[in-house]
């Protein structure tokens, strides 16, 4: 039941984000056969230290999503005061 719900929810959220992406963010699947791994591209916002940068990240959703959060890993090396 939980996996079925997470699959439906992720499918709907991916469709919405693909149709109406937030400014500076694009989202897609790492592999079209796996709805639980997303690839994200973030463009550094203007007037920040990250302006003009392109930052690639991966989201891995557990089958228990949304009860458990996804794991986000930046692929692009970048400086951030709260990450190593």
PDB file of N, CA and C in Angstrom:
ATOM      1  N   UNK A   1       0.823  -1.204   0.000  1.00  0.00           N
ATOM      2  CA  UNK A   1       0.000   0.000   0.000  1.00  0.00           C
ATOM      3  C   UNK A   1       0.866   1.266   0.000  1.00  0.00           C
ATOM      4  N   UNK A   2       1.858   1.292   0.888  1.00  0.00           N
ATOM      5  CA  UNK A   2       2.709   2.471   1.005  1.00  0.00           C
ATOM      6  C   UNK A   2       3.492   2.714  -0.288  1.00  0.00           C
ATOM      7  N   UNK A   3       4.033   1.642  -0.865  1.00  0.00           N
ATOM      8  CA  UNK A   3       4.802   1.784  -2.102  1.00  0.00           C
ATOM      9  C   UNK A   3       3.910   2.258  -3.250  1.00  0.00           C
ATOM     10  N   UNK A   4       2.707   1.750  -3.303  1.00  0.00           N
ATOM     11  CA  UNK A   4       1.767   2.171  -4.347  1.00  0.00           C
ATOM     12  C   UNK A   4       1.453   3.659  -4.207  1.00  0.00           C
ATOM     13  N   UNK A   5       1.257   4.114  -2.960  1.00  0.00           N
ATOM     14  CA  UNK A   5       0.957   5.522  -2.714  1.00  0.00           C
ATOM     15  C   UNK A   5       2.151   6.398  -3.099  1.00  0.00           C
ATOM     16  N   UNK A   6       3.367   5.995  -2.686  1.00  0.00           N
ATOM     17  CA  UNK A   6       4.546   6.802  -2.998  1.00  0.00           C
ATOM     18  C   UNK A   6       4.771   6.878  -4.509  1.00  0.00           C
ATOM     19  N   UNK A   7       4.535   5.796  -5.197  1.00  0.00           N
ATOM     20  CA  UNK A   7       4.704   5.776  -6.657  1.00  0.00           C
ATOM     21  C   UNK A   7       3.740   6.761  -7.324  1.00  0.00           C
ATOM     22  N   UNK A   8       2.488   6.726  -6.907  1.00  0.00           N
ATOM     23  CA  UNK A   8       1.473   7.630  -7.464  1.00  0.00           C
ATOM     24  C   UNK A   8       1.810   9.087  -7.155  1.00  0.00           C
ATOM     25  N   UNK A   9       2.214   9.349  -5.918  1.00  0.00           N
ATOM     26  CA  UNK A   9       2.549  10.705  -5.500  1.00  0.00           C
ATOM     27  C   UNK A   9       3.763  11.235  -6.267  1.00  0.00           C
ATOM     28  N   UNK A  10       4.813  10.431  -6.374  1.00  0.00           N
ATOM     29  CA  UNK A  10       6.014  10.866  -7.090  1.00  0.00           C
ATOM     30  C   UNK A  10       5.734  11.103  -8.571  1.00  0.00           C
ATOM     31  N   UNK A  11       4.929  10.253  -9.162  1.00  0.00           N
ATOM     32  CA  UNK A  11       4.568  10.417 -10.572  1.00  0.00           C
ATOM     33  C   UNK A  11       3.847  11.748 -10.787  1.00  0.00           C
ATOM     34  N   UNK A  12       2.922  12.063  -9.891  1.00  0.00           N
ATOM     35  CA  UNK A  12       2.171  13.318  -9.989  1.00  0.00           C
ATOM     36  C   UNK A  12       3.087  14.527  -9.756  1.00  0.00           C
ATOM     37  N   UNK A  13       3.955  14.439  -8.749  1.00  0.00           N
ATOM     38  CA  UNK A  13       4.847  15.558  -8.447  1.00  0.00           C
ATOM     39  C   UNK A  13       5.862  15.796  -9.565  1.00  0.00           C
ATOM     40  N   UNK A  14       6.389  14.723 -10.142  1.00  0.00           N
ATOM     41  CA  UNK A  14       7.332  14.868 -11.253  1.00  0.00           C
ATOM     42  C   UNK A  14       6.648  15.519 -12.456  1.00  0.00           C
ATOM     43  N   UNK A  15       5.432  15.095 -12.749  1.00  0.00           N
ATOM     44  CA  UNK A  15       4.689  15.688 -13.867  1.00  0.00           C
ATOM     45  C   UNK A  15       4.456  17.175 -13.632  1.00  0.00           C
ATOM     46  N   UNK A  16       4.092  17.541 -12.418  1.00  0.00           N
ATOM     47  CA  UNK A  16       3.839  18.945 -12.093  1.00  0.00           C
ATOM     48  C   UNK A  16       5.127  19.769 -12.184  1.00  0.00           C
ATOM     49  N   UNK A  17       6.227  19.238 -11.652  1.00  0.00           N
ATOM     50  CA  UNK A  17       7.501  19.962 -11.709  1.00  0.00           C
ATOM     51  C   UNK A  17       8.028  20.072 -13.137  1.00  0.00           C
ATOM     52  N   UNK A  18       7.751  19.093 -13.953  1.00  0.00           N
ATOM     53  CA  UNK A  18       8.174  19.146 -15.356  1.00  0.00           C
ATOM     54  C   UNK A  18       7.359  20.170 -16.133  1.00  0.00           C
ATOM     55  N   UNK A  19       6.083  20.267 -15.791  1.00  0.00           N
ATOM     56  CA  UNK A  19       5.176  21.194 -16.474  1.00  0.00           C
ATOM     57  C   UNK A  19       5.379  22.632 -15.997  1.00  0.00           C
ATOM     58  N   UNK A  20       5.564  22.811 -14.700  1.00  0.00           N
ATOM     59  CA  UNK A  20       5.713  24.139 -14.091  1.00  0.00           C
ATOM     60  C   UNK A  20       6.930  24.156 -13.170  1.00  0.00           C
ATOM     61  N   UNK A  21       8.139  24.140 -13.734  1.00  0.00           N
ATOM     62  CA  UNK A  21       9.324  24.094 -12.874  1.00  0.00           C
ATOM     63  C   UNK A  21       9.548  25.413 -12.137  1.00  0.00           C
ATOM     64  N   UNK A  22      10.041  25.343 -10.903  1.00  0.00           N
ATOM     65  CA  UNK A  22      10.420  26.575 -10.201  1.00  0.00           C
ATOM     66  C   UNK A  22      11.568  27.252 -10.957  1.00  0.00           C
ATOM     67  N   UNK A  23      11.681  28.560 -10.834  1.00  0.00           N
ATOM     68  CA  UNK A  23      12.763  29.291 -11.503  1.00  0.00           C
ATOM     69  C   UNK A  23      14.116  28.702 -11.125  1.00  0.00           C
ATOM     70  N   UNK A  24      14.926  28.419 -12.139  1.00  0.00           N
ATOM     71  CA  UNK A  24      16.284  27.964 -11.911  1.00  0.00           C
ATOM     72  C   UNK A  24      16.435  26.500 -11.551  1.00  0.00           C
ATOM     73  N   UNK A  25      15.364  25.723 -11.670  1.00  0.00           N
ATOM     74  CA  UNK A  25      15.427  24.306 -11.299  1.00  0.00           C
ATOM     75  C   UNK A  25      14.813  23.454 -12.400  1.00  0.00           C
ATOM     76  N   UNK A  26      15.512  22.378 -12.762  1.00  0.00           N
ATOM     77  CA  UNK A  26      14.929  21.396 -13.676  1.00  0.00           C
ATOM     78  C   UNK A  26      15.061  20.020 -13.036  1.00  0.00           C
ATOM     79  N   UNK A  27      14.084  19.174 -13.326  1.00  0.00           N
ATOM     80  CA  UNK A  27      13.993  17.861 -12.691  1.00  0.00           C
ATOM     81  C   UNK A  27      13.731  16.803 -13.748  1.00  0.00           C
ATOM     82  N   UNK A  28      14.333  15.645 -13.573  1.00  0.00           N
ATOM     83  CA  UNK A  28      14.084  14.511 -14.457  1.00  0.00           C
ATOM     84  C   UNK A  28      14.470  13.223 -13.759  1.00  0.00           C
ATOM     85  N   UNK A  29      14.174  12.119 -14.384  1.00  0.00           N
ATOM     86  CA  UNK A  29      14.527  10.820 -13.825  1.00  0.00           C
ATOM     87  C   UNK A  29      15.942  10.436 -14.244  1.00  0.00           C
ATOM     88  N   UNK A  30      16.661   9.774 -13.351  1.00  0.00           N
ATOM     89  CA  UNK A  30      17.979   9.241 -13.684  1.00  0.00           C
ATOM     90  C   UNK A  30      17.816   8.144 -14.726  1.00  0.00           C
ATOM     91  N   UNK A  31      16.814   7.294 -14.514  1.00  0.00           N
ATOM     92  CA  UNK A  31      16.502   6.174 -15.406  1.00  0.00           C
ATOM     93  C   UNK A  31      14.983   6.137 -15.545  1.00  0.00           C
ATOM     94  N   UNK A  32      14.482   6.156 -16.757  1.00  0.00           N
ATOM     95  CA  UNK A  32      13.032   6.208 -16.980  1.00  0.00           C
ATOM     96  C   UNK A  32      12.268   5.055 -16.336  1.00  0.00           C
ATOM     97  N   UNK A  33      12.947   3.978 -15.998  1.00  0.00           N
ATOM     98  CA  UNK A  33      12.257   2.831 -15.398  1.00  0.00           C
ATOM     99  C   UNK A  33      12.214   2.899 -13.870  1.00  0.00           C
ATOM    100  N   UNK A  34      12.820   3.953 -13.278  1.00  0.00           N
ATOM    101  CA  UNK A  34      12.868   4.058 -11.818  1.00  0.00           C
ATOM    102  C   UNK A  34      12.386   5.429 -11.364  1.00  0.00           C
ATOM    103  N   UNK A  35      11.184   5.483 -10.859  1.00  0.00           N
ATOM    104  CA  UNK A  35      10.579   6.739 -10.413  1.00  0.00           C
ATOM    105  C   UNK A  35      11.156   7.226  -9.082  1.00  0.00           C
ATOM    106  N   UNK A  36      11.961   6.407  -8.427  1.00  0.00           N
ATOM    107  CA  UNK A  36      12.474   6.732  -7.102  1.00  0.00           C
ATOM    108  C   UNK A  36      13.856   7.396  -7.119  1.00  0.00           C
ATOM    109  N   UNK A  37      14.416   7.648  -8.301  1.00  0.00           N
ATOM    110  CA  UNK A  37      15.693   8.364  -8.411  1.00  0.00           C
ATOM    111  C   UNK A  37      15.553   9.512  -9.398  1.00  0.00           C
ATOM    112  N   UNK A  38      15.701  10.728  -8.881  1.00  0.00           N
ATOM    113  CA  UNK A  38      15.569  11.928  -9.694  1.00  0.00           C
ATOM    114  C   UNK A  38      16.917  12.616  -9.836  1.00  0.00           C
ATOM    115  N   UNK A  39      17.089  13.288 -10.959  1.00  0.00           N
ATOM    116  CA  UNK A  39      18.254  14.124 -11.190  1.00  0.00           C
ATOM    117  C   UNK A  39      17.762  15.566 -11.229  1.00  0.00           C
ATOM    118  N   UNK A  40      18.475  16.435 -10.548  1.00  0.00           N
ATOM    119  CA  UNK A  40      18.062  17.833 -10.432  1.00  0.00           C
ATOM    120  C   UNK A  40      19.197  18.731 -10.908  1.00  0.00           C
ATOM    121  N   UNK A  41      18.846  19.799 -11.594  1.00  0.00           N
ATOM    122  CA  UNK A  41      19.815  20.816 -11.978  1.00  0.00           C
ATOM    123  C   UNK A  41      19.331  22.129 -11.381  1.00  0.00           C
ATOM    124  N   UNK A  42      20.205  22.767 -10.621  1.00  0.00           N
ATOM    125  CA  UNK A  42      19.884  24.037  -9.973  1.00  0.00           C
ATOM    126  C   UNK A  42      20.819  25.098 -10.534  1.00  0.00           C
ATOM    127  N   UNK A  43      20.254  26.202 -10.981  1.00  0.00           N
ATOM    128  CA  UNK A  43      21.043  27.338 -11.464  1.00  0.00           C
ATOM    129  C   UNK A  43      21.190  28.305 -10.296  1.00  0.00           C
ATOM    130  N   UNK A  44      22.428  28.703 -10.025  1.00  0.00           N
ATOM    131  CA  UNK A  44      22.685  29.624  -8.919  1.00  0.00           C
ATOM    132  C   UNK A  44      21.907  30.918  -9.074  1.00  0.00           C
ATOM    133  N   UNK A  45      21.181  31.313  -8.032  1.00  0.00           N
ATOM    134  CA  UNK A  45      20.355  32.519  -8.124  1.00  0.00           C
ATOM    135  C   UNK A  45      21.192  33.801  -8.198  1.00  0.00           C
ATOM    136  N   UNK A  46      20.643  34.828  -8.845  1.00  0.00           N
ATOM    137  CA  UNK A  46      21.352  36.105  -8.962  1.00  0.00           C
ATOM    138  C   UNK A  46      21.646  36.704  -7.587  1.00  0.00           C
ATOM    139  N   UNK A  47      22.693  37.502  -7.545  1.00  0.00           N
ATOM    140  CA  UNK A  47      23.085  38.234  -6.337  1.00  0.00           C
ATOM    141  C   UNK A  47      23.418  37.317  -5.163  1.00  0.00           C
ATOM    142  N   UNK A  48      23.943  36.131  -5.457  1.00  0.00           N
ATOM    143  CA  UNK A  48      24.420  35.219  -4.414  1.00  0.00           C
ATOM    144  C   UNK A  48      25.821  34.753  -4.796  1.00  0.00           C
ATOM    145  N   UNK A  49      26.481  34.081  -3.881  1.00  0.00           N
ATOM    146  CA  UNK A  49      27.795  33.513  -4.185  1.00  0.00           C
ATOM    147  C   UNK A  49      27.713  32.449  -5.276  1.00  0.00           C
ATOM    148  N   UNK A  50      26.523  31.908  -5.489  1.00  0.00           N
ATOM    149  CA  UNK A  50      26.327  30.822  -6.448  1.00  0.00           C
ATOM    150  C   UNK A  50      25.850  31.304  -7.818  1.00  0.00           C
ATOM    151  N   UNK A  51      25.721  32.621  -7.990  1.00  0.00           N
ATOM    152  CA  UNK A  51      25.229  33.181  -9.254  1.00  0.00           C
ATOM    153  C   UNK A  51      26.044  32.662 -10.435  1.00  0.00           C
ATOM    154  N   UNK A  52      25.331  32.209 -11.466  1.00  0.00           N
ATOM    155  CA  UNK A  52      25.979  31.713 -12.672  1.00  0.00           C
ATOM    156  C   UNK A  52      26.439  30.269 -12.591  1.00  0.00           C
ATOM    157  N   UNK A  53      26.300  29.669 -11.423  1.00  0.00           N
ATOM    158  CA  UNK A  53      26.719  28.277 -11.270  1.00  0.00           C
ATOM    159  C   UNK A  53      25.614  27.308 -11.664  1.00  0.00           C
ATOM    160  N   UNK A  54      26.021  26.113 -12.055  1.00  0.00           N
ATOM    161  CA  UNK A  54      25.087  25.028 -12.356  1.00  0.00           C
ATOM    162  C   UNK A  54      25.420  23.886 -11.412  1.00  0.00           C
ATOM    163  N   UNK A  55      24.437  23.446 -10.658  1.00  0.00           N
ATOM    164  CA  UNK A  55      24.661  22.457  -9.620  1.00  0.00           C
ATOM    165  C   UNK A  55      23.751  21.255  -9.839  1.00  0.00           C
ATOM    166  N   UNK A  56      24.378  20.123 -10.059  1.00  0.00           N
ATOM    167  CA  UNK A  56      23.648  18.888 -10.317  1.00  0.00           C
ATOM    168  C   UNK A  56      23.535  18.108  -9.007  1.00  0.00           C
ATOM    169  N   UNK A  57      22.340  17.570  -8.762  1.00  0.00           N
ATOM    170  CA  UNK A  57      22.105  16.789  -7.550  1.00  0.00           C
ATOM    171  C   UNK A  57      21.231  15.591  -7.880  1.00  0.00           C
ATOM    172  N   UNK A  58      21.201  14.657  -6.974  1.00  0.00           N
ATOM    173  CA  UNK A  58      20.373  13.460  -7.138  1.00  0.00           C
ATOM    174  C   UNK A  58      19.501  13.302  -5.895  1.00  0.00           C
ATOM    175  N   UNK A  59      18.229  12.993  -6.128  1.00  0.00           N
ATOM    176  CA  UNK A  59      17.291  12.685  -5.044  1.00  0.00           C
ATOM    177  C   UNK A  59      16.953  11.207  -5.111  1.00  0.00           C
ATOM    178  N   UNK A  60      17.086  10.525  -3.984  1.00  0.00           N
ATOM    179  CA  UNK A  60      16.711   9.115  -3.890  1.00  0.00           C
ATOM    180  C   UNK A  60      15.568   9.013  -2.886  1.00  0.00           C
ATOM    181  N   UNK A  61      14.404   8.636  -3.387  1.00  0.00           N
ATOM    182  CA  UNK A  61      13.213   8.541  -2.553  1.00  0.00           C
ATOM    183  C   UNK A  61      13.057   7.120  -2.017  1.00  0.00           C
ATOM    184  N   UNK A  62      12.743   6.983  -0.723  1.00  0.00           N
ATOM    185  CA  UNK A  62      12.459   5.647  -0.194  1.00  0.00           C
ATOM    186  C   UNK A  62      11.058   5.206  -0.616  1.00  0.00           C
ATOM    187  N   UNK A  63      10.811   3.932  -0.589  1.00  0.00           N
ATOM    188  CA  UNK A  63       9.478   3.406  -0.935  1.00  0.00           C
ATOM    189  C   UNK A  63       8.428   3.887   0.067  1.00  0.00           C
ATOM    190  N   UNK A  64       8.888   4.346   1.225  1.00  0.00           N
ATOM    191  CA  UNK A  64       7.984   4.831   2.274  1.00  0.00           C
ATOM    192  C   UNK A  64       7.712   6.331   2.178  1.00  0.00           C
ATOM    193  N   UNK A  65       8.178   6.977   1.100  1.00  0.00           N
ATOM    194  CA  UNK A  65       7.895   8.396   0.886  1.00  0.00           C
ATOM    195  C   UNK A  65       6.388   8.599   0.771  1.00  0.00           C
ATOM    196  N   UNK A  66       5.791   9.604   1.374  1.00  0.00           N
ATOM    197  CA  UNK A  66       6.348  10.781   2.019  1.00  0.00           C
ATOM    198  C   UNK A  66       6.562  10.643   3.527  1.00  0.00           C
ATOM    199  N   UNK A  67       6.353   9.456   4.072  1.00  0.00           N
ATOM    200  CA  UNK A  67       6.561   9.271   5.509  1.00  0.00           C
ATOM    201  C   UNK A  67       8.032   9.363   5.891  1.00  0.00           C
ATOM    202  N   UNK A  68       8.915   9.049   4.970  1.00  0.00           N
ATOM    203  CA  UNK A  68      10.355   9.193   5.167  1.00  0.00           C
ATOM    204  C   UNK A  68      10.874  10.125   4.076  1.00  0.00           C
ATOM    205  N   UNK A  69      11.842  10.987   4.402  1.00  0.00           N
ATOM    206  CA  UNK A  69      12.324  11.962   3.417  1.00  0.00           C
ATOM    207  C   UNK A  69      13.265  11.341   2.389  1.00  0.00           C
ATOM    208  N   UNK A  70      13.415  12.007   1.252  1.00  0.00           N
ATOM    209  CA  UNK A  70      14.392  11.544   0.265  1.00  0.00           C
ATOM    210  C   UNK A  70      15.804  11.897   0.727  1.00  0.00           C
ATOM    211  N   UNK A  71      16.767  11.243   0.142  1.00  0.00           N
ATOM    212  CA  UNK A  71      18.178  11.558   0.377  1.00  0.00           C
ATOM    213  C   UNK A  71      18.643  12.392  -0.810  1.00  0.00           C
ATOM    214  N   UNK A  72      19.242  13.543  -0.523  1.00  0.00           N
ATOM    215  CA  UNK A  72      19.729  14.412  -1.594  1.00  0.00           C
ATOM    216  C   UNK A  72      21.247  14.446  -1.550  1.00  0.00           C
ATOM    217  N   UNK A  73      21.862  14.217  -2.700  1.00  0.00           N
ATOM    218  CA  UNK A  73      23.315  14.234  -2.818  1.00  0.00           C
ATOM    219  C   UNK A  73      23.695  15.153  -3.967  1.00  0.00           C
ATOM    220  N   UNK A  74      24.564  16.120  -3.675  1.00  0.00           N
ATOM    221  CA  UNK A  74      25.057  16.977  -4.751  1.00  0.00           C
ATOM    222  C   UNK A  74      26.136  16.238  -5.517  1.00  0.00           C
ATOM    223  N   UNK A  75      26.011  16.218  -6.827  1.00  0.00           N
ATOM    224  CA  UNK A  75      27.002  15.615  -7.708  1.00  0.00           C
ATOM    225  C   UNK A  75      28.093  16.643  -8.002  1.00  0.00           C
ATOM    226  N   UNK A  76      27.676  17.876  -8.222  1.00  0.00           N
ATOM    227  CA  UNK A  76      28.606  18.974  -8.459  1.00  0.00           C
ATOM    228  C   UNK A  76      29.275  19.348  -7.146  1.00  0.00           C
ATOM    229  N   UNK A  77      30.586  19.464  -7.173  1.00  0.00           N
ATOM    230  CA  UNK A  77      31.318  19.915  -5.987  1.00  0.00           C
ATOM    231  C   UNK A  77      31.041  21.397  -5.793  1.00  0.00           C
ATOM    232  N   UNK A  78      30.722  21.762  -4.567  1.00  0.00           N
ATOM    233  CA  UNK A  78      30.450  23.164  -4.271  1.00  0.00           C
ATOM    234  C   UNK A  78      30.736  23.443  -2.815  1.00  0.00           C
ATOM    235  N   UNK A  79      30.907  24.699  -2.506  1.00  0.00           N
ATOM    236  CA  UNK A  79      31.128  25.102  -1.130  1.00  0.00           C
ATOM    237  C   UNK A  79      29.795  25.469  -0.505  1.00  0.00           C
ATOM    238  N   UNK A  80      29.578  24.991   0.704  1.00  0.00           N
ATOM    239  CA  UNK A  80      28.406  25.374   1.480  1.00  0.00           C
ATOM    240  C   UNK A  80      28.791  25.281   2.944  1.00  0.00           C
ATOM    241  N   UNK A  81      28.435  26.281   3.753  1.00  0.00           N
ATOM    242  CA  UNK A  81      28.864  26.262   5.153  1.00  0.00           C
ATOM    243  C   UNK A  81      28.270  25.113   5.969  1.00  0.00           C
ATOM    244  N   UNK A  82      27.178  24.520   5.512  1.00  0.00           N
ATOM    245  CA  UNK A  82      26.521  23.462   6.282  1.00  0.00           C
ATOM    246  C   UNK A  82      26.678  22.080   5.674  1.00  0.00           C
ATOM    247  N   UNK A  83      27.591  21.907   4.726  1.00  0.00           N
ATOM    248  CA  UNK A  83      27.802  20.577   4.150  1.00  0.00           C
ATOM    249  C   UNK A  83      29.291  20.303   4.011  1.00  0.00           C
ATOM    250  N   UNK A  84      29.598  19.020   3.927  1.00  0.00           N
ATOM    251  CA  UNK A  84      31.014  18.643   3.805  1.00  0.00           C
ATOM    252  C   UNK A  84      31.273  18.038   2.446  1.00  0.00           C
TER     253      UNK A  84
END
